[in-house]
């Protein structure tokens, strides 16, 4: 399932029907999926994969284009962006339950920042390909997921504009 070299260091946490309930429990703790029914999470569980990433794993790389969305289940992820002199500056720390890579997932452009695990982290990955497959079989569920991603993007834009207003003269 891993789609590029960025994710090669990840350990798969489980697979198949024996892992479904654990995966549903993981998803239920996240901002993106906490309002979904257990039945919907079960359907979704067949289209996502759970991994453990060691400390220092780059799960998103600024300037690279990927076809997946990451959901942080356990751990912390630091987000970095290069400045005009190519120095990496930390923008944020993402905590458990949050998503990463939503913008590139939606618009298809390269990542605007890098995301690196601050310690051991468990993540769930949803690829565009699997979202398309889910959409064919469960269009209502796929639509709910896309609305939640849009909501998450709106929250991030509002947070960013709130921060930026203090830097305008």
C-alpha atoms as a PDB file:
ATOM      1  CA  UNK A   1       0.000   0.000   0.000  1.00  0.00           C
ATOM      2  CA  UNK A   2       2.875   2.399   0.717  1.00  0.00           C
ATOM      3  CA  UNK A   3       2.964   4.712  -2.253  1.00  0.00           C
ATOM      4  CA  UNK A   4       6.444   6.252  -2.132  1.00  0.00           C
ATOM      5  CA  UNK A   5       9.876   6.179  -0.509  1.00  0.00           C
ATOM      6  CA  UNK A   6       8.747   8.649   2.163  1.00  0.00           C
ATOM      7  CA  UNK A   7       6.787   5.869   3.844  1.00  0.00           C
ATOM      8  CA  UNK A   8       9.270   3.003   3.449  1.00  0.00           C
ATOM      9  CA  UNK A   9      10.297   3.035   7.145  1.00  0.00           C
ATOM     10  CA  UNK A  10       6.771   2.408   8.384  1.00  0.00           C
ATOM     11  CA  UNK A  11       5.702  -0.774  10.138  1.00  0.00           C
ATOM     12  CA  UNK A  12       2.193  -2.002   9.315  1.00  0.00           C
ATOM     13  CA  UNK A  13       0.178  -2.329  12.535  1.00  0.00           C
ATOM     14  CA  UNK A  14      -2.360  -4.873  11.345  1.00  0.00           C
ATOM     15  CA  UNK A  15      -4.399  -6.051   8.432  1.00  0.00           C
ATOM     16  CA  UNK A  16      -7.551  -7.967   7.680  1.00  0.00           C
ATOM     17  CA  UNK A  17     -10.785  -8.592   9.518  1.00  0.00           C
ATOM     18  CA  UNK A  18      -9.012  -9.402  12.806  1.00  0.00           C
ATOM     19  CA  UNK A  19      -7.701  -5.807  12.875  1.00  0.00           C
ATOM     20  CA  UNK A  20     -10.967  -4.092  11.875  1.00  0.00           C
ATOM     21  CA  UNK A  21     -12.236  -3.336  15.392  1.00  0.00           C
ATOM     22  CA  UNK A  22      -8.892  -1.939  16.507  1.00  0.00           C
ATOM     23  CA  UNK A  23      -8.722   0.231  13.386  1.00  0.00           C
ATOM     24  CA  UNK A  24     -12.286   1.474  13.995  1.00  0.00           C
ATOM     25  CA  UNK A  25     -11.331   2.383  17.562  1.00  0.00           C
ATOM     26  CA  UNK A  26      -8.311   4.309  16.254  1.00  0.00           C
ATOM     27  CA  UNK A  27     -10.386   6.258  13.731  1.00  0.00           C
ATOM     28  CA  UNK A  28     -13.107   7.050  16.284  1.00  0.00           C
ATOM     29  CA  UNK A  29     -10.579   9.038  18.354  1.00  0.00           C
ATOM     30  CA  UNK A  30      -9.737  11.441  15.530  1.00  0.00           C
ATOM     31  CA  UNK A  31     -11.112  14.887  14.763  1.00  0.00           C
ATOM     32  CA  UNK A  32     -11.931  13.816  11.222  1.00  0.00           C
ATOM     33  CA  UNK A  33     -13.928  10.692  12.100  1.00  0.00           C
ATOM     34  CA  UNK A  34     -15.148  11.049  15.705  1.00  0.00           C
ATOM     35  CA  UNK A  35     -18.735  11.764  14.594  1.00  0.00           C
ATOM     36  CA  UNK A  36     -18.962   8.760  12.272  1.00  0.00           C
ATOM     37  CA  UNK A  37     -20.981   5.687  13.223  1.00  0.00           C
ATOM     38  CA  UNK A  38     -19.237   2.409  14.013  1.00  0.00           C
ATOM     39  CA  UNK A  39     -20.855   0.958  10.886  1.00  0.00           C
ATOM     40  CA  UNK A  40     -19.327   3.694   8.721  1.00  0.00           C
ATOM     41  CA  UNK A  41     -15.933   3.286  10.387  1.00  0.00           C
ATOM     42  CA  UNK A  42     -16.096  -0.446   9.638  1.00  0.00           C
ATOM     43  CA  UNK A  43     -16.722   0.299   5.963  1.00  0.00           C
ATOM     44  CA  UNK A  44     -13.875   2.824   5.942  1.00  0.00           C
ATOM     45  CA  UNK A  45     -11.489   0.429   7.697  1.00  0.00           C
ATOM     46  CA  UNK A  46     -11.227  -1.640   4.520  1.00  0.00           C
ATOM     47  CA  UNK A  47      -9.848   1.375   2.626  1.00  0.00           C
ATOM     48  CA  UNK A  48      -7.205   2.659   5.051  1.00  0.00           C
ATOM     49  CA  UNK A  49      -3.973   1.263   6.490  1.00  0.00           C
ATOM     50  CA  UNK A  50      -2.406   1.774   9.921  1.00  0.00           C
ATOM     51  CA  UNK A  51       1.333   2.167  10.428  1.00  0.00           C
ATOM     52  CA  UNK A  52       3.890   2.885  13.137  1.00  0.00           C
ATOM     53  CA  UNK A  53       6.561   5.424  12.236  1.00  0.00           C
ATOM     54  CA  UNK A  54       9.834   5.695  14.163  1.00  0.00           C
ATOM     55  CA  UNK A  55      11.032   9.042  15.498  1.00  0.00           C
ATOM     56  CA  UNK A  56      12.333  11.329  12.761  1.00  0.00           C
ATOM     57  CA  UNK A  57      10.254   9.832   9.954  1.00  0.00           C
ATOM     58  CA  UNK A  58       9.314  12.349   7.277  1.00  0.00           C
ATOM     59  CA  UNK A  59       5.712  11.486   6.538  1.00  0.00           C
ATOM     60  CA  UNK A  60       5.249  14.510   4.260  1.00  0.00           C
ATOM     61  CA  UNK A  61       8.053  16.299   2.417  1.00  0.00           C
ATOM     62  CA  UNK A  62       7.807  19.908   1.286  1.00  0.00           C
ATOM     63  CA  UNK A  63       7.811  20.083  -2.504  1.00  0.00           C
ATOM     64  CA  UNK A  64       6.913  16.416  -3.014  1.00  0.00           C
ATOM     65  CA  UNK A  65       3.580  15.312  -4.386  1.00  0.00           C
ATOM     66  CA  UNK A  66       1.788  12.402  -2.710  1.00  0.00           C
ATOM     67  CA  UNK A  67      -1.627  10.859  -3.080  1.00  0.00           C
ATOM     68  CA  UNK A  68      -2.481  10.292   0.573  1.00  0.00           C
ATOM     69  CA  UNK A  69      -3.876  11.880   3.693  1.00  0.00           C
ATOM     70  CA  UNK A  70      -2.367  11.041   7.113  1.00  0.00           C
ATOM     71  CA  UNK A  71      -4.361  10.763  10.322  1.00  0.00           C
ATOM     72  CA  UNK A  72      -2.242  10.931  13.481  1.00  0.00           C
ATOM     73  CA  UNK A  73      -3.462   8.340  15.989  1.00  0.00           C
ATOM     74  CA  UNK A  74      -0.637   8.414  18.567  1.00  0.00           C
ATOM     75  CA  UNK A  75       2.380  10.636  18.989  1.00  0.00           C
ATOM     76  CA  UNK A  76       3.325  14.101  17.764  1.00  0.00           C
ATOM     77  CA  UNK A  77       4.405  15.417  14.392  1.00  0.00           C
ATOM     78  CA  UNK A  78       6.360  18.627  13.843  1.00  0.00           C
ATOM     79  CA  UNK A  79       5.630  20.682  10.737  1.00  0.00           C
ATOM     80  CA  UNK A  80       8.490  22.553   9.057  1.00  0.00           C
ATOM     81  CA  UNK A  81       8.667  25.000   6.143  1.00  0.00           C
ATOM     82  CA  UNK A  82      11.748  26.323   4.383  1.00  0.00           C
ATOM     83  CA  UNK A  83      12.246  30.065   4.415  1.00  0.00           C
ATOM     84  CA  UNK A  84      13.738  32.155   1.588  1.00  0.00           C
ATOM     85  CA  UNK A  85      17.233  30.941   2.553  1.00  0.00           C
ATOM     86  CA  UNK A  86      16.193  27.247   2.577  1.00  0.00           C
ATOM     87  CA  UNK A  87      16.353  27.072   6.384  1.00  0.00           C
ATOM     88  CA  UNK A  88      13.670  24.884   7.909  1.00  0.00           C
ATOM     89  CA  UNK A  89      11.498  26.654  10.452  1.00  0.00           C
ATOM     90  CA  UNK A  90       9.047  24.852  12.668  1.00  0.00           C
ATOM     91  CA  UNK A  91       5.487  26.051  12.041  1.00  0.00           C
ATOM     92  CA  UNK A  92       3.502  23.792  14.340  1.00  0.00           C
ATOM     93  CA  UNK A  93       3.268  20.597  16.310  1.00  0.00           C
ATOM     94  CA  UNK A  94       0.402  18.336  15.318  1.00  0.00           C
ATOM     95  CA  UNK A  95      -1.144  16.289  18.113  1.00  0.00           C
ATOM     96  CA  UNK A  96      -3.029  13.006  18.247  1.00  0.00           C
ATOM     97  CA  UNK A  97      -6.319  12.929  16.394  1.00  0.00           C
ATOM     98  CA  UNK A  98      -5.360  15.514  13.769  1.00  0.00           C
ATOM     99  CA  UNK A  99      -4.845  15.121  10.039  1.00  0.00           C
ATOM    100  CA  UNK A 100      -1.903  16.043   7.827  1.00  0.00           C
ATOM    101  CA  UNK A 101      -1.626  16.548   4.101  1.00  0.00           C
ATOM    102  CA  UNK A 102      -5.226  17.614   3.487  1.00  0.00           C
ATOM    103  CA  UNK A 103      -4.339  20.454   1.123  1.00  0.00           C
ATOM    104  CA  UNK A 104      -2.228  18.323  -1.219  1.00  0.00           C
ATOM    105  CA  UNK A 105      -4.772  15.512  -0.942  1.00  0.00           C
ATOM    106  CA  UNK A 106      -7.463  17.855  -2.252  1.00  0.00           C
ATOM    107  CA  UNK A 107      -5.614  20.081  -4.729  1.00  0.00           C
ATOM    108  CA  UNK A 108      -3.002  17.596  -6.021  1.00  0.00           C
ATOM    109  CA  UNK A 109      -0.133  20.072  -5.699  1.00  0.00           C
ATOM    110  CA  UNK A 110       3.136  19.333  -3.839  1.00  0.00           C
ATOM    111  CA  UNK A 111       3.198  19.683  -0.054  1.00  0.00           C
ATOM    112  CA  UNK A 112       3.727  23.229   1.203  1.00  0.00           C
ATOM    113  CA  UNK A 113       5.570  21.970   4.296  1.00  0.00           C
ATOM    114  CA  UNK A 114       7.264  18.874   5.720  1.00  0.00           C
ATOM    115  CA  UNK A 115       5.939  16.763   8.583  1.00  0.00           C
ATOM    116  CA  UNK A 116       8.355  14.800  10.777  1.00  0.00           C
ATOM    117  CA  UNK A 117       7.498  12.506  13.683  1.00  0.00           C
ATOM    118  CA  UNK A 118       8.701  13.943  17.024  1.00  0.00           C
ATOM    119  CA  UNK A 119       8.783  10.447  18.498  1.00  0.00           C
ATOM    120  CA  UNK A 120       7.277   7.086  17.673  1.00  0.00           C
ATOM    121  CA  UNK A 121       3.900   7.734  16.014  1.00  0.00           C
ATOM    122  CA  UNK A 122       0.953   5.682  14.805  1.00  0.00           C
ATOM    123  CA  UNK A 123      -0.746   6.951  11.663  1.00  0.00           C
ATOM    124  CA  UNK A 124      -3.581   5.873   9.427  1.00  0.00           C
ATOM    125  CA  UNK A 125      -3.289   6.564   5.723  1.00  0.00           C
ATOM    126  CA  UNK A 126      -6.085   7.097   3.219  1.00  0.00           C
ATOM    127  CA  UNK A 127      -5.001   7.254  -0.425  1.00  0.00           C
ATOM    128  CA  UNK A 128      -6.888   9.045  -3.175  1.00  0.00           C
ATOM    129  CA  UNK A 129      -7.148   5.725  -4.998  1.00  0.00           C
ATOM    130  CA  UNK A 130      -8.840   4.117  -1.998  1.00  0.00           C
ATOM    131  CA  UNK A 131     -11.140   7.095  -1.516  1.00  0.00           C
ATOM    132  CA  UNK A 132     -12.193   6.689  -5.152  1.00  0.00           C
ATOM    133  CA  UNK A 133     -12.866   2.978  -4.570  1.00  0.00           C
ATOM    134  CA  UNK A 134     -14.823   3.803  -1.392  1.00  0.00           C
ATOM    135  CA  UNK A 135     -16.783   6.416  -3.349  1.00  0.00           C
ATOM    136  CA  UNK A 136     -17.873   3.828  -5.904  1.00  0.00           C
ATOM    137  CA  UNK A 137     -19.174   1.433  -3.260  1.00  0.00           C
ATOM    138  CA  UNK A 138     -20.290   3.903  -0.535  1.00  0.00           C
ATOM    139  CA  UNK A 139     -20.844   7.336  -2.149  1.00  0.00           C
ATOM    140  CA  UNK A 140     -22.620   8.819   0.895  1.00  0.00           C
ATOM    141  CA  UNK A 141     -19.734   7.868   3.194  1.00  0.00           C
ATOM    142  CA  UNK A 142     -17.144   9.266   0.763  1.00  0.00           C
ATOM    143  CA  UNK A 143     -19.108  12.519   0.589  1.00  0.00           C
ATOM    144  CA  UNK A 144     -19.164  12.729   4.404  1.00  0.00           C
ATOM    145  CA  UNK A 145     -15.390  12.246   4.462  1.00  0.00           C
ATOM    146  CA  UNK A 146     -14.854  14.987   1.886  1.00  0.00           C
ATOM    147  CA  UNK A 147     -17.091  17.375   3.853  1.00  0.00           C
ATOM    148  CA  UNK A 148     -15.085  16.648   7.020  1.00  0.00           C
ATOM    149  CA  UNK A 149     -11.826  17.293   5.141  1.00  0.00           C
ATOM    150  CA  UNK A 150     -13.271  20.582   3.852  1.00  0.00           C
ATOM    151  CA  UNK A 151     -14.308  21.482   7.405  1.00  0.00           C
ATOM    152  CA  UNK A 152     -10.786  20.712   8.655  1.00  0.00           C
ATOM    153  CA  UNK A 153      -9.269  22.926   5.959  1.00  0.00           C
ATOM    154  CA  UNK A 154     -11.616  25.769   6.930  1.00  0.00           C
ATOM    155  CA  UNK A 155     -10.570  25.460  10.576  1.00  0.00           C
ATOM    156  CA  UNK A 156      -6.903  25.662   9.562  1.00  0.00           C
ATOM    157  CA  UNK A 157      -7.500  28.735   7.371  1.00  0.00           C
ATOM    158  CA  UNK A 158      -9.321  30.500  10.220  1.00  0.00           C
ATOM    159  CA  UNK A 159      -6.486  29.665  12.639  1.00  0.00           C
ATOM    160  CA  UNK A 160      -3.878  30.909  10.184  1.00  0.00           C
ATOM    161  CA  UNK A 161      -5.659  34.195   9.475  1.00  0.00           C
ATOM    162  CA  UNK A 162      -6.029  34.708  13.227  1.00  0.00           C
ATOM    163  CA  UNK A 163      -2.272  34.340  13.617  1.00  0.00           C
ATOM    164  CA  UNK A 164      -1.399  36.439  10.551  1.00  0.00           C
ATOM    165  CA  UNK A 165      -3.507  39.418  11.587  1.00  0.00           C
ATOM    166  CA  UNK A 166      -1.006  40.172  14.369  1.00  0.00           C
ATOM    167  CA  UNK A 167       1.779  40.487  11.767  1.00  0.00           C
ATOM    168  CA  UNK A 168       0.041  43.026   9.525  1.00  0.00           C
ATOM    169  CA  UNK A 169       1.044  46.667  10.018  1.00  0.00           C
END
